[in-house]
């Protein structure tokens, strides 16, 4: 998956009690049909801290192919014409979308040989994906990239949360304006995968006890941020590729 230079992180606020309805429809109708246009559906998730939030990610080779793929799916495909109204009916807001690019050649999601479970699969993974979203005061600098590489990553690894991938804001013009994305922000985000809830809790406790994290890394990180980092604690759906 590291040939994907553009990733969308999408967070949807749903009407109360309708998340499972959207997930069932998405996993059944919107995975293969989107990928047929050339994009890659990376993962679909329940937000464990908000019962009415659905989070998902998709990737593209570049911004030009993104525009073509989204036009083909949302404007031209029978799938969206038939099933789009039902999906939209579950949503309160679908505009919380970040357009991201890998920080460097090696920081995108790694290539995986895993196969997506088939349509109709119902077994839910025990794994958890943590997405840490930082809003910076200014665009990501070489100094910040070096700080993350030299100080943050080693500590995250020691805490059992080596970043699976990390990204920064893609500032290119939205090539499919019918779907808005967040603009005017400088975002840096990383993703870590945990085997289960216990592994995630162990990671959090490690950072809580770490003097280096509390007194060195976190204070330095905060000097670059507009606000405290926000972490999404995500449970993969039955058909999520990231799991």
C-alpha atoms as a PDB file:
ATOM      1  CA  UNK A   1       0.000   0.000   0.000  1.00  0.00           C
ATOM      2  CA  UNK A   2       3.007   2.298   0.099  1.00  0.00           C
ATOM      3  CA  UNK A   3       2.382   3.310  -3.529  1.00  0.00           C
ATOM      4  CA  UNK A   4      -0.527   5.431  -2.259  1.00  0.00           C
ATOM      5  CA  UNK A   5       0.610   9.040  -2.095  1.00  0.00           C
ATOM      6  CA  UNK A   6      -2.769  10.380  -0.942  1.00  0.00           C
ATOM      7  CA  UNK A   7      -4.866   9.134   1.980  1.00  0.00           C
ATOM      8  CA  UNK A   8      -8.222  10.392   3.216  1.00  0.00           C
ATOM      9  CA  UNK A   9      -9.090  10.024   6.906  1.00  0.00           C
ATOM     10  CA  UNK A  10     -12.865  10.417   7.130  1.00  0.00           C
ATOM     11  CA  UNK A  11     -14.897  10.732  10.347  1.00  0.00           C
ATOM     12  CA  UNK A  12     -18.682  10.629  10.025  1.00  0.00           C
ATOM     13  CA  UNK A  13     -21.122  11.683  12.732  1.00  0.00           C
ATOM     14  CA  UNK A  14     -24.219   9.508  12.469  1.00  0.00           C
ATOM     15  CA  UNK A  15     -27.756   9.614  13.737  1.00  0.00           C
ATOM     16  CA  UNK A  16     -27.952   7.825  17.098  1.00  0.00           C
ATOM     17  CA  UNK A  17     -28.128   4.056  16.814  1.00  0.00           C
ATOM     18  CA  UNK A  18     -27.506   3.866  13.057  1.00  0.00           C
ATOM     19  CA  UNK A  19     -23.785   3.064  12.886  1.00  0.00           C
ATOM     20  CA  UNK A  20     -24.217  -0.686  12.411  1.00  0.00           C
ATOM     21  CA  UNK A  21     -26.690   0.014   9.623  1.00  0.00           C
ATOM     22  CA  UNK A  22     -24.117   2.095   7.738  1.00  0.00           C
ATOM     23  CA  UNK A  23     -21.319  -0.424   8.370  1.00  0.00           C
ATOM     24  CA  UNK A  24     -23.408  -3.308   7.033  1.00  0.00           C
ATOM     25  CA  UNK A  25     -24.221  -1.326   3.894  1.00  0.00           C
ATOM     26  CA  UNK A  26     -20.652  -0.085   3.466  1.00  0.00           C
ATOM     27  CA  UNK A  27     -19.037  -3.498   3.876  1.00  0.00           C
ATOM     28  CA  UNK A  28     -21.549  -5.101   1.517  1.00  0.00           C
ATOM     29  CA  UNK A  29     -21.828  -2.467  -1.240  1.00  0.00           C
ATOM     30  CA  UNK A  30     -19.070   0.172  -1.059  1.00  0.00           C
ATOM     31  CA  UNK A  31     -15.748  -1.684  -0.816  1.00  0.00           C
ATOM     32  CA  UNK A  32     -15.230  -3.524  -4.103  1.00  0.00           C
ATOM     33  CA  UNK A  33     -17.234  -0.936  -6.058  1.00  0.00           C
ATOM     34  CA  UNK A  34     -14.961   1.896  -4.920  1.00  0.00           C
ATOM     35  CA  UNK A  35     -11.822  -0.148  -5.504  1.00  0.00           C
ATOM     36  CA  UNK A  36     -13.011  -0.880  -9.053  1.00  0.00           C
ATOM     37  CA  UNK A  37     -12.367   2.812  -9.811  1.00  0.00           C
ATOM     38  CA  UNK A  38      -8.692   2.532  -8.806  1.00  0.00           C
ATOM     39  CA  UNK A  39      -8.774   3.710  -5.202  1.00  0.00           C
ATOM     40  CA  UNK A  40      -7.930   1.491  -2.209  1.00  0.00           C
ATOM     41  CA  UNK A  41     -10.227   1.092   0.791  1.00  0.00           C
ATOM     42  CA  UNK A  42      -7.761   0.862   3.659  1.00  0.00           C
ATOM     43  CA  UNK A  43     -10.008   0.419   6.660  1.00  0.00           C
ATOM     44  CA  UNK A  44     -13.439   0.875   8.229  1.00  0.00           C
ATOM     45  CA  UNK A  45     -13.820   1.338  11.973  1.00  0.00           C
ATOM     46  CA  UNK A  46     -16.121   1.877  14.907  1.00  0.00           C
ATOM     47  CA  UNK A  47     -14.898   4.694  17.154  1.00  0.00           C
ATOM     48  CA  UNK A  48     -14.807   3.039  20.576  1.00  0.00           C
ATOM     49  CA  UNK A  49     -15.250   6.377  22.350  1.00  0.00           C
ATOM     50  CA  UNK A  50     -18.223   7.609  20.329  1.00  0.00           C
ATOM     51  CA  UNK A  51     -21.048   5.192  19.451  1.00  0.00           C
ATOM     52  CA  UNK A  52     -22.251   7.494  16.693  1.00  0.00           C
ATOM     53  CA  UNK A  53     -18.961   7.943  14.829  1.00  0.00           C
ATOM     54  CA  UNK A  54     -17.858   5.869  11.833  1.00  0.00           C
ATOM     55  CA  UNK A  55     -14.234   6.302  10.710  1.00  0.00           C
ATOM     56  CA  UNK A  56     -12.732   5.063   7.479  1.00  0.00           C
ATOM     57  CA  UNK A  57      -9.753   5.589   5.182  1.00  0.00           C
ATOM     58  CA  UNK A  58      -9.087   5.262   1.488  1.00  0.00           C
ATOM     59  CA  UNK A  59      -5.971   5.831  -0.587  1.00  0.00           C
ATOM     60  CA  UNK A  60      -5.088   7.063  -4.070  1.00  0.00           C
ATOM     61  CA  UNK A  61      -1.968   7.062  -6.239  1.00  0.00           C
ATOM     62  CA  UNK A  62      -2.143  10.846  -6.667  1.00  0.00           C
ATOM     63  CA  UNK A  63      -4.558  13.775  -6.675  1.00  0.00           C
ATOM     64  CA  UNK A  64      -5.370  13.465 -10.361  1.00  0.00           C
ATOM     65  CA  UNK A  65      -6.399   9.817 -10.070  1.00  0.00           C
ATOM     66  CA  UNK A  66      -8.364  10.728  -6.933  1.00  0.00           C
ATOM     67  CA  UNK A  67     -10.517  13.139  -8.924  1.00  0.00           C
ATOM     68  CA  UNK A  68     -11.187  10.551 -11.610  1.00  0.00           C
ATOM     69  CA  UNK A  69     -11.982   7.756  -9.149  1.00  0.00           C
ATOM     70  CA  UNK A  70     -14.349   9.818  -7.032  1.00  0.00           C
ATOM     71  CA  UNK A  71     -16.158  11.113 -10.107  1.00  0.00           C
ATOM     72  CA  UNK A  72     -16.562   7.575 -11.397  1.00  0.00           C
ATOM     73  CA  UNK A  73     -17.965   6.333  -8.098  1.00  0.00           C
ATOM     74  CA  UNK A  74     -20.119   9.224  -6.857  1.00  0.00           C
ATOM     75  CA  UNK A  75     -21.317  10.632 -10.184  1.00  0.00           C
ATOM     76  CA  UNK A  76     -21.330   7.761 -12.649  1.00  0.00           C
ATOM     77  CA  UNK A  77     -21.748   4.497 -10.719  1.00  0.00           C
ATOM     78  CA  UNK A  78     -25.048   2.702 -10.309  1.00  0.00           C
ATOM     79  CA  UNK A  79     -23.942   1.621  -6.839  1.00  0.00           C
ATOM     80  CA  UNK A  80     -23.988   5.133  -5.428  1.00  0.00           C
ATOM     81  CA  UNK A  81     -27.133   6.098  -7.311  1.00  0.00           C
ATOM     82  CA  UNK A  82     -28.968   3.114  -5.800  1.00  0.00           C
ATOM     83  CA  UNK A  83     -27.426   2.874  -2.318  1.00  0.00           C
ATOM     84  CA  UNK A  84     -26.104   6.391  -1.697  1.00  0.00           C
ATOM     85  CA  UNK A  85     -29.421   7.759  -0.367  1.00  0.00           C
ATOM     86  CA  UNK A  86     -29.590   5.014   2.277  1.00  0.00           C
ATOM     87  CA  UNK A  87     -26.014   5.747   3.351  1.00  0.00           C
ATOM     88  CA  UNK A  88     -26.605   9.494   3.535  1.00  0.00           C
ATOM     89  CA  UNK A  89     -29.741   8.928   5.606  1.00  0.00           C
ATOM     90  CA  UNK A  90     -27.609   7.546   8.455  1.00  0.00           C
ATOM     91  CA  UNK A  91     -25.374  10.642   8.568  1.00  0.00           C
ATOM     92  CA  UNK A  92     -25.556  13.883  10.495  1.00  0.00           C
ATOM     93  CA  UNK A  93     -22.223  15.149   9.141  1.00  0.00           C
ATOM     94  CA  UNK A  94     -19.702  13.740   6.665  1.00  0.00           C
ATOM     95  CA  UNK A  95     -17.454  16.796   6.194  1.00  0.00           C
ATOM     96  CA  UNK A  96     -14.803  15.859   8.769  1.00  0.00           C
ATOM     97  CA  UNK A  97     -12.248  14.608   6.255  1.00  0.00           C
ATOM     98  CA  UNK A  98      -8.480  15.078   6.248  1.00  0.00           C
ATOM     99  CA  UNK A  99      -6.436  14.928   3.060  1.00  0.00           C
ATOM    100  CA  UNK A 100      -3.020  13.486   3.924  1.00  0.00           C
ATOM    101  CA  UNK A 101       0.282  12.501   2.314  1.00  0.00           C
ATOM    102  CA  UNK A 102       3.102  10.322   3.684  1.00  0.00           C
ATOM    103  CA  UNK A 103       5.795  12.307   5.483  1.00  0.00           C
ATOM    104  CA  UNK A 104       8.462  10.418   3.533  1.00  0.00           C
ATOM    105  CA  UNK A 105       8.784   7.511   1.120  1.00  0.00           C
ATOM    106  CA  UNK A 106       8.718   4.937   3.916  1.00  0.00           C
ATOM    107  CA  UNK A 107       5.979   6.368   6.131  1.00  0.00           C
ATOM    108  CA  UNK A 108       2.893   5.276   4.185  1.00  0.00           C
ATOM    109  CA  UNK A 109       0.893   2.187   5.059  1.00  0.00           C
ATOM    110  CA  UNK A 110       3.056  -0.882   4.390  1.00  0.00           C
ATOM    111  CA  UNK A 111       2.330  -3.329   1.621  1.00  0.00           C
ATOM    112  CA  UNK A 112       0.334  -6.237   2.997  1.00  0.00           C
ATOM    113  CA  UNK A 113      -0.390  -9.696   1.695  1.00  0.00           C
ATOM    114  CA  UNK A 114      -3.500  -9.921   3.883  1.00  0.00           C
ATOM    115  CA  UNK A 115      -6.725 -10.652   2.074  1.00  0.00           C
ATOM    116  CA  UNK A 116      -9.876  -8.807   2.941  1.00  0.00           C
ATOM    117  CA  UNK A 117     -12.569 -11.083   4.422  1.00  0.00           C
ATOM    118  CA  UNK A 118     -15.344 -11.792   1.922  1.00  0.00           C
ATOM    119  CA  UNK A 119     -18.713 -10.072   1.714  1.00  0.00           C
ATOM    120  CA  UNK A 120     -20.893 -11.441   4.482  1.00  0.00           C
ATOM    121  CA  UNK A 121     -18.027 -12.008   6.942  1.00  0.00           C
ATOM    122  CA  UNK A 122     -19.150 -11.297  10.483  1.00  0.00           C
ATOM    123  CA  UNK A 123     -16.228 -12.085  12.786  1.00  0.00           C
ATOM    124  CA  UNK A 124     -14.857  -8.904  14.343  1.00  0.00           C
ATOM    125  CA  UNK A 125     -11.088  -8.577  14.890  1.00  0.00           C
ATOM    126  CA  UNK A 126      -9.886  -8.051  18.446  1.00  0.00           C
ATOM    127  CA  UNK A 127      -7.197  -5.672  17.169  1.00  0.00           C
ATOM    128  CA  UNK A 128      -7.346  -1.918  17.700  1.00  0.00           C
ATOM    129  CA  UNK A 129      -6.017   0.940  15.590  1.00  0.00           C
ATOM    130  CA  UNK A 130      -5.024   4.156  17.346  1.00  0.00           C
ATOM    131  CA  UNK A 131      -4.940   7.285  15.192  1.00  0.00           C
ATOM    132  CA  UNK A 132      -3.198  10.254  16.819  1.00  0.00           C
ATOM    133  CA  UNK A 133      -4.098  13.556  15.148  1.00  0.00           C
ATOM    134  CA  UNK A 134      -1.981  16.632  15.898  1.00  0.00           C
ATOM    135  CA  UNK A 135      -2.922  20.110  14.671  1.00  0.00           C
ATOM    136  CA  UNK A 136       0.256  22.146  14.318  1.00  0.00           C
ATOM    137  CA  UNK A 137       0.801  25.890  14.560  1.00  0.00           C
ATOM    138  CA  UNK A 138       2.552  25.923  11.173  1.00  0.00           C
ATOM    139  CA  UNK A 139       3.162  23.504   8.298  1.00  0.00           C
ATOM    140  CA  UNK A 140       5.319  20.522   9.204  1.00  0.00           C
ATOM    141  CA  UNK A 141       8.985  21.537   9.164  1.00  0.00           C
ATOM    142  CA  UNK A 142      12.144  19.494   8.731  1.00  0.00           C
ATOM    143  CA  UNK A 143      12.843  20.196  12.408  1.00  0.00           C
ATOM    144  CA  UNK A 144       9.532  18.654  13.449  1.00  0.00           C
ATOM    145  CA  UNK A 145      10.031  15.646  11.146  1.00  0.00           C
ATOM    146  CA  UNK A 146      13.465  15.052  12.692  1.00  0.00           C
ATOM    147  CA  UNK A 147      12.058  15.405  16.208  1.00  0.00           C
ATOM    148  CA  UNK A 148       9.360  12.830  15.460  1.00  0.00           C
ATOM    149  CA  UNK A 149      11.847  10.438  13.843  1.00  0.00           C
ATOM    150  CA  UNK A 150      14.565  10.760  16.487  1.00  0.00           C
ATOM    151  CA  UNK A 151      12.568  11.125  19.702  1.00  0.00           C
ATOM    152  CA  UNK A 152       8.893  10.253  19.323  1.00  0.00           C
ATOM    153  CA  UNK A 153       9.201   7.045  17.297  1.00  0.00           C
ATOM    154  CA  UNK A 154      11.781   5.374  19.609  1.00  0.00           C
ATOM    155  CA  UNK A 155       9.613   6.080  22.645  1.00  0.00           C
ATOM    156  CA  UNK A 156       6.472   4.829  20.913  1.00  0.00           C
ATOM    157  CA  UNK A 157       8.320   1.648  19.963  1.00  0.00           C
ATOM    158  CA  UNK A 158       9.415   1.152  23.564  1.00  0.00           C
ATOM    159  CA  UNK A 159       5.780   1.592  24.585  1.00  0.00           C
ATOM    160  CA  UNK A 160       4.656  -1.135  22.186  1.00  0.00           C
ATOM    161  CA  UNK A 161       3.204   1.224  19.586  1.00  0.00           C
ATOM    162  CA  UNK A 162       5.659   1.520  16.719  1.00  0.00           C
ATOM    163  CA  UNK A 163       3.910   3.723  14.130  1.00  0.00           C
ATOM    164  CA  UNK A 164       2.389   1.708  11.324  1.00  0.00           C
ATOM    165  CA  UNK A 165       2.324   4.854   9.175  1.00  0.00           C
ATOM    166  CA  UNK A 166       2.493   8.630   9.607  1.00  0.00           C
ATOM    167  CA  UNK A 167       1.280  11.508   7.468  1.00  0.00           C
ATOM    168  CA  UNK A 168       1.021  15.264   7.113  1.00  0.00           C
ATOM    169  CA  UNK A 169      -1.493  17.554   5.416  1.00  0.00           C
ATOM    170  CA  UNK A 170      -1.787  17.414   1.642  1.00  0.00           C
ATOM    171  CA  UNK A 171      -2.323  21.045   0.581  1.00  0.00           C
ATOM    172  CA  UNK A 172      -3.235  20.420  -3.062  1.00  0.00           C
ATOM    173  CA  UNK A 173      -6.577  21.716  -4.261  1.00  0.00           C
ATOM    174  CA  UNK A 174      -9.455  19.328  -3.683  1.00  0.00           C
ATOM    175  CA  UNK A 175      -9.905  17.475  -6.980  1.00  0.00           C
ATOM    176  CA  UNK A 176     -13.474  16.462  -6.110  1.00  0.00           C
ATOM    177  CA  UNK A 177     -15.037  19.532  -4.430  1.00  0.00           C
ATOM    178  CA  UNK A 178     -18.420  17.822  -4.138  1.00  0.00           C
ATOM    179  CA  UNK A 179     -16.858  16.116  -1.099  1.00  0.00           C
ATOM    180  CA  UNK A 180     -15.392  18.845   1.139  1.00  0.00           C
ATOM    181  CA  UNK A 181     -12.174  18.300   3.087  1.00  0.00           C
ATOM    182  CA  UNK A 182     -10.824  20.243   6.044  1.00  0.00           C
ATOM    183  CA  UNK A 183      -8.654  23.169   4.935  1.00  0.00           C
ATOM    184  CA  UNK A 184      -6.610  25.868   6.647  1.00  0.00           C
ATOM    185  CA  UNK A 185      -5.073  23.343   9.054  1.00  0.00           C
ATOM    186  CA  UNK A 186      -1.598  21.852   9.458  1.00  0.00           C
ATOM    187  CA  UNK A 187      -2.030  18.252  10.539  1.00  0.00           C
ATOM    188  CA  UNK A 188       0.431  15.546  11.485  1.00  0.00           C
ATOM    189  CA  UNK A 189      -0.994  12.129  12.286  1.00  0.00           C
ATOM    190  CA  UNK A 190       0.293   8.661  13.042  1.00  0.00           C
ATOM    191  CA  UNK A 191      -1.310   5.227  13.311  1.00  0.00           C
ATOM    192  CA  UNK A 192      -0.424   2.329  15.592  1.00  0.00           C
ATOM    193  CA  UNK A 193      -1.923  -1.155  15.636  1.00  0.00           C
ATOM    194  CA  UNK A 194      -2.539  -3.173  18.816  1.00  0.00           C
ATOM    195  CA  UNK A 195      -3.399  -6.849  19.152  1.00  0.00           C
ATOM    196  CA  UNK A 196      -6.259  -6.155  21.564  1.00  0.00           C
ATOM    197  CA  UNK A 197      -7.567  -3.754  24.213  1.00  0.00           C
ATOM    198  CA  UNK A 198      -5.087  -5.015  26.800  1.00  0.00           C
ATOM    199  CA  UNK A 199      -2.140  -4.213  24.531  1.00  0.00           C
ATOM    200  CA  UNK A 200      -3.489  -0.703  24.014  1.00  0.00           C
ATOM    201  CA  UNK A 201      -3.976  -0.198  27.761  1.00  0.00           C
ATOM    202  CA  UNK A 202      -0.419  -1.396  28.430  1.00  0.00           C
ATOM    203  CA  UNK A 203       0.887   1.163  25.939  1.00  0.00           C
ATOM    204  CA  UNK A 204      -1.045   3.996  27.587  1.00  0.00           C
ATOM    205  CA  UNK A 205       0.204   2.979  31.031  1.00  0.00           C
ATOM    206  CA  UNK A 206       3.806   2.847  29.792  1.00  0.00           C
ATOM    207  CA  UNK A 207       3.605   6.439  28.520  1.00  0.00           C
ATOM    208  CA  UNK A 208       1.898   7.542  31.730  1.00  0.00           C
ATOM    209  CA  UNK A 209       4.832   6.164  33.768  1.00  0.00           C
ATOM    210  CA  UNK A 210       7.563   7.320  31.363  1.00  0.00           C
ATOM    211  CA  UNK A 211       9.573  10.248  32.718  1.00  0.00           C
ATOM    212  CA  UNK A 212      11.023  10.850  29.250  1.00  0.00           C
ATOM    213  CA  UNK A 213       7.535  11.113  27.748  1.00  0.00           C
ATOM    214  CA  UNK A 214       6.180  13.413  30.479  1.00  0.00           C
ATOM    215  CA  UNK A 215       9.185  15.682  30.899  1.00  0.00           C
ATOM    216  CA  UNK A 216      10.928  15.719  27.515  1.00  0.00           C
ATOM    217  CA  UNK A 217       8.960  14.438  24.537  1.00  0.00           C
ATOM    218  CA  UNK A 218       5.415  15.592  25.321  1.00  0.00           C
ATOM    219  CA  UNK A 219       6.429  19.162  26.344  1.00  0.00           C
ATOM    220  CA  UNK A 220       8.499  19.533  23.148  1.00  0.00           C
ATOM    221  CA  UNK A 221       5.631  18.152  21.075  1.00  0.00           C
ATOM    222  CA  UNK A 222       3.232  20.638  22.647  1.00  0.00           C
ATOM    223  CA  UNK A 223       5.368  23.609  21.553  1.00  0.00           C
ATOM    224  CA  UNK A 224       4.457  22.780  17.957  1.00  0.00           C
ATOM    225  CA  UNK A 225       0.723  22.273  18.496  1.00  0.00           C
ATOM    226  CA  UNK A 226      -2.396  24.432  18.551  1.00  0.00           C
ATOM    227  CA  UNK A 227      -4.059  22.038  20.979  1.00  0.00           C
ATOM    228  CA  UNK A 228      -3.547  18.713  22.696  1.00  0.00           C
ATOM    229  CA  UNK A 229      -3.231  15.733  20.336  1.00  0.00           C
ATOM    230  CA  UNK A 230      -6.489  13.910  19.689  1.00  0.00           C
ATOM    231  CA  UNK A 231      -6.448  10.130  19.635  1.00  0.00           C
ATOM    232  CA  UNK A 232      -9.056   7.963  17.943  1.00  0.00           C
ATOM    233  CA  UNK A 233      -9.371   4.464  19.400  1.00  0.00           C
ATOM    234  CA  UNK A 234     -10.731   2.380  16.551  1.00  0.00           C
ATOM    235  CA  UNK A 235     -12.165  -1.126  16.223  1.00  0.00           C
ATOM    236  CA  UNK A 236     -11.965  -2.622  12.697  1.00  0.00           C
ATOM    237  CA  UNK A 237     -15.156  -3.800  11.059  1.00  0.00           C
ATOM    238  CA  UNK A 238     -15.440  -7.397   9.832  1.00  0.00           C
ATOM    239  CA  UNK A 239     -14.131  -6.455   6.380  1.00  0.00           C
ATOM    240  CA  UNK A 240     -11.525  -3.821   7.230  1.00  0.00           C
ATOM    241  CA  UNK A 241      -8.195  -4.411   5.480  1.00  0.00           C
ATOM    242  CA  UNK A 242      -6.292  -2.714   8.313  1.00  0.00           C
ATOM    243  CA  UNK A 243      -6.830  -4.984  11.293  1.00  0.00           C
END
